[in-house]
Amino acid sequence: MPDQNDNRQPIAYGIWIAVALFLIAIDQASKLYFEYSFEYLERLNILPFFDFILVYNQGAAFSMLSDSSGWQRWFFIVLGLGAAGFILHLLKKNKTQPLLCFSLTLILAGALGNVIDRIAYGHVIDFFLFYWGNAYFPAFNVADICITIGAIVLILDEILRIRRSKQESA
């Protein structure tokens, strides 16, 4: 909720959209690189705990619903587009909250990056793989990184907002 006493200069809505489009372009370019440079399931060891790999995820985070019959593709497309619409509304409404807008922009870019994959390919292209011994973290991509960092920044922004509110009321 915007603070009525907040006199910070708003960052133009178009700037946030441009940042999101830039991040989507990076996400899509990286996915195309791995799609055309690697065979499915091909791995390239980079570090003792990190590989590049080409895998496809038909589900959501941590491959949830990936073994479903195909309805999940359309569900996640609609969910991603709905989230994008809501985020665009929040970006317009909260122009004077740069940290909130930054977090929303990251989430927007990640959501749309993965929606593009679902529409174009029927699955999401993942290629970062972290592991330790036989323990593996599910493969992910640039869009997933944007969503994760955006969610962390969103939580941080809320904690800071609550702290400011408590200090102002004291």
Protein backbone atom coordinates (compact mmCIF):
# COMPACT_ATOMS: atom_id res chain seq x y z
CA MET A 1 0.00 0.00 0.00
CA PRO A 2 1.58 3.35 -0.98
CA ASP A 3 2.37 5.77 1.83
CA GLN A 4 0.52 9.06 1.28
CA ASN A 5 3.37 10.96 2.95
CA ASP A 6 5.89 9.35 0.60
CA ASN A 7 7.53 12.03 -1.51
CA ARG A 8 9.94 9.79 -3.45
CA GLN A 9 10.02 10.37 -7.19
CA PRO A 10 8.26 7.59 -9.05
CA ILE A 11 10.21 5.63 -11.62
CA ALA A 12 8.37 5.65 -14.92
CA TYR A 13 6.22 2.61 -15.64
CA GLY A 14 7.94 2.24 -19.01
CA ILE A 15 11.32 1.79 -17.34
CA TRP A 16 10.04 -1.26 -15.43
CA ILE A 17 8.55 -2.67 -18.64
CA ALA A 18 11.85 -2.11 -20.47
CA VAL A 19 13.77 -3.91 -17.69
CA ALA A 20 11.31 -6.82 -17.86
CA LEU A 21 11.65 -7.02 -21.65
CA PHE A 22 15.45 -6.98 -21.35
CA LEU A 23 15.37 -9.84 -18.83
CA ILE A 24 12.93 -11.80 -20.99
CA ALA A 25 15.31 -11.36 -23.95
CA ILE A 26 18.24 -12.69 -21.88
CA ASP A 27 16.10 -15.62 -20.72
CA GLN A 28 14.94 -16.51 -24.22
CA ALA A 29 18.41 -16.09 -25.76
CA SER A 30 19.95 -18.39 -23.15
CA LYS A 31 17.23 -21.00 -23.70
CA LEU A 32 17.72 -20.87 -27.48
CA TYR A 33 21.46 -21.25 -27.02
CA PHE A 34 21.04 -24.45 -24.98
CA GLU A 35 18.24 -25.76 -27.20
CA TYR A 36 20.41 -25.51 -30.31
CA SER A 37 23.83 -26.25 -28.76
CA PHE A 38 22.96 -29.29 -26.61
CA GLU A 39 21.20 -32.57 -27.21
CA TYR A 40 18.37 -33.40 -24.81
CA LEU A 41 19.91 -34.55 -21.47
CA GLU A 42 23.43 -33.63 -22.63
CA ARG A 43 25.55 -32.42 -19.70
CA LEU A 44 28.64 -30.28 -19.60
CA ASN A 45 30.50 -30.25 -16.32
CA ILE A 46 31.55 -26.74 -15.26
CA LEU A 47 32.39 -27.17 -11.55
CA PRO A 48 32.40 -30.18 -9.19
CA PHE A 49 28.87 -29.18 -8.14
CA PHE A 50 27.50 -27.49 -11.27
CA ASP A 51 26.71 -28.63 -14.83
CA PHE A 52 24.94 -27.26 -17.85
CA ILE A 53 22.25 -29.67 -19.01
CA LEU A 54 19.37 -29.49 -21.45
CA VAL A 55 16.13 -30.69 -19.87
CA TYR A 56 12.46 -29.93 -20.39
CA ASN A 57 10.00 -29.27 -17.60
CA GLN A 58 6.31 -29.73 -18.37
CA GLY A 59 5.37 -28.91 -14.78
CA ALA A 60 5.95 -26.02 -12.44
CA ALA A 61 8.59 -25.41 -9.78
CA PHE A 62 10.45 -28.61 -8.87
CA SER A 63 8.61 -30.33 -11.77
CA MET A 64 5.28 -30.34 -9.90
CA LEU A 65 2.55 -31.78 -12.14
CA SER A 66 5.09 -32.66 -14.86
CA ASP A 67 3.67 -36.18 -15.12
CA SER A 68 0.11 -34.95 -15.75
CA SER A 69 -1.65 -35.57 -19.05
CA GLY A 70 -1.02 -32.15 -20.62
CA TRP A 71 -3.69 -29.95 -19.07
CA GLN A 72 -0.99 -28.37 -16.86
CA ARG A 73 0.54 -26.60 -19.88
CA TRP A 74 -2.62 -24.54 -20.38
CA PHE A 75 -3.14 -24.07 -16.66
CA PHE A 76 0.37 -22.63 -16.23
CA ILE A 77 -0.03 -20.41 -19.32
CA VAL A 78 -3.26 -18.95 -17.94
CA LEU A 79 -1.74 -18.65 -14.46
CA GLY A 80 1.37 -16.90 -15.84
CA LEU A 81 -0.62 -14.49 -17.97
CA GLY A 82 -2.97 -13.75 -15.08
CA ALA A 83 -0.03 -13.09 -12.77
CA ALA A 84 1.53 -10.83 -15.43
CA GLY A 85 -1.68 -8.81 -15.71
CA PHE A 86 -1.90 -8.42 -11.94
CA ILE A 87 1.77 -7.42 -11.72
CA LEU A 88 1.31 -4.79 -14.46
CA HIS A 89 -1.56 -3.34 -12.42
CA LEU A 90 0.59 -3.30 -9.26
CA LEU A 91 3.47 -1.62 -11.11
CA LYS A 92 1.18 1.22 -12.20
CA LYS A 93 -0.37 1.56 -8.76
CA ASN A 94 2.88 1.58 -6.73
CA LYS A 95 5.14 3.89 -8.75
CA THR A 96 6.73 5.47 -5.68
CA GLN A 97 7.97 2.14 -4.28
CA PRO A 98 11.08 1.28 -6.30
CA LEU A 99 12.03 -1.85 -4.35
CA LEU A 100 8.52 -3.27 -4.72
CA CYS A 101 8.49 -2.39 -8.43
CA PHE A 102 11.91 -3.98 -8.92
CA SER A 103 10.73 -7.22 -7.30
CA LEU A 104 7.53 -7.23 -9.35
CA THR A 105 9.51 -6.58 -12.54
CA LEU A 106 11.74 -9.59 -11.87
CA ILE A 107 8.73 -11.82 -11.19
CA LEU A 108 6.98 -10.48 -14.32
CA ALA A 109 10.01 -11.23 -16.51
CA GLY A 110 10.37 -14.73 -15.10
CA ALA A 111 6.70 -15.57 -15.42
CA LEU A 112 6.49 -14.35 -19.01
CA GLY A 113 9.79 -16.01 -19.94
CA ASN A 114 8.40 -19.38 -18.90
CA VAL A 115 4.99 -18.67 -20.48
CA ILE A 116 6.72 -18.05 -23.80
CA ASP A 117 8.33 -21.50 -23.53
CA ARG A 118 5.04 -23.19 -22.70
CA ILE A 119 3.32 -21.55 -25.67
CA ALA A 120 6.17 -22.15 -28.13
CA TYR A 121 7.37 -25.61 -27.06
CA GLY A 122 4.82 -27.08 -24.66
CA HIS A 123 7.46 -27.19 -21.89
CA VAL A 124 10.01 -24.97 -20.17
CA ILE A 125 13.67 -25.26 -21.15
CA ASP A 126 15.98 -25.65 -18.14
CA PHE A 127 19.78 -25.82 -18.18
CA PHE A 128 21.40 -24.93 -14.84
CA LEU A 129 22.03 -28.01 -12.68
CA PHE A 130 23.48 -27.88 -9.16
CA TYR A 131 24.27 -31.04 -7.23
CA TRP A 132 26.35 -32.47 -4.44
CA GLY A 133 27.26 -36.12 -4.73
CA ASN A 134 24.01 -37.88 -5.60
CA ALA A 135 21.80 -35.02 -4.34
CA TYR A 136 20.45 -32.83 -7.14
CA PHE A 137 18.62 -29.53 -7.10
CA PRO A 138 16.09 -29.46 -9.96
CA ALA A 139 17.44 -27.85 -13.12
CA PHE A 140 16.35 -24.27 -13.70
CA ASN A 141 16.78 -21.28 -16.03
CA VAL A 142 17.17 -17.49 -16.08
CA ALA A 143 13.39 -16.95 -15.73
CA ASP A 144 13.41 -19.08 -12.56
CA ILE A 145 16.29 -17.00 -11.19
CA CYS A 146 14.29 -13.82 -11.85
CA ILE A 147 11.24 -15.22 -10.06
CA THR A 148 13.29 -16.39 -7.07
CA ILE A 149 15.21 -13.13 -6.64
CA GLY A 150 11.99 -11.17 -7.19
CA ALA A 151 10.24 -13.14 -4.45
CA ILE A 152 13.16 -12.60 -2.04
CA VAL A 153 13.21 -8.85 -2.77
CA LEU A 154 9.40 -8.73 -2.37
CA ILE A 155 9.70 -10.29 1.12
CA LEU A 156 12.56 -7.92 1.99
CA ASP A 157 10.51 -4.93 0.84
CA GLU A 158 7.59 -6.00 3.03
CA ILE A 159 9.86 -6.45 6.07
CA LEU A 160 11.34 -2.99 5.51
CA ARG A 161 7.88 -1.47 5.04
CA ILE A 162 6.68 -2.99 8.33
CA ARG A 163 9.79 -1.72 10.14
CA ARG A 164 9.27 1.80 8.75
CA SER A 165 5.64 1.70 9.76
CA LYS A 166 6.51 0.66 13.33
CA GLN A 167 9.17 3.39 13.59
CA GLU A 168 6.74 6.05 12.34
CA SER A 169 4.05 5.02 14.79
CA ALA A 170 6.45 4.92 17.77
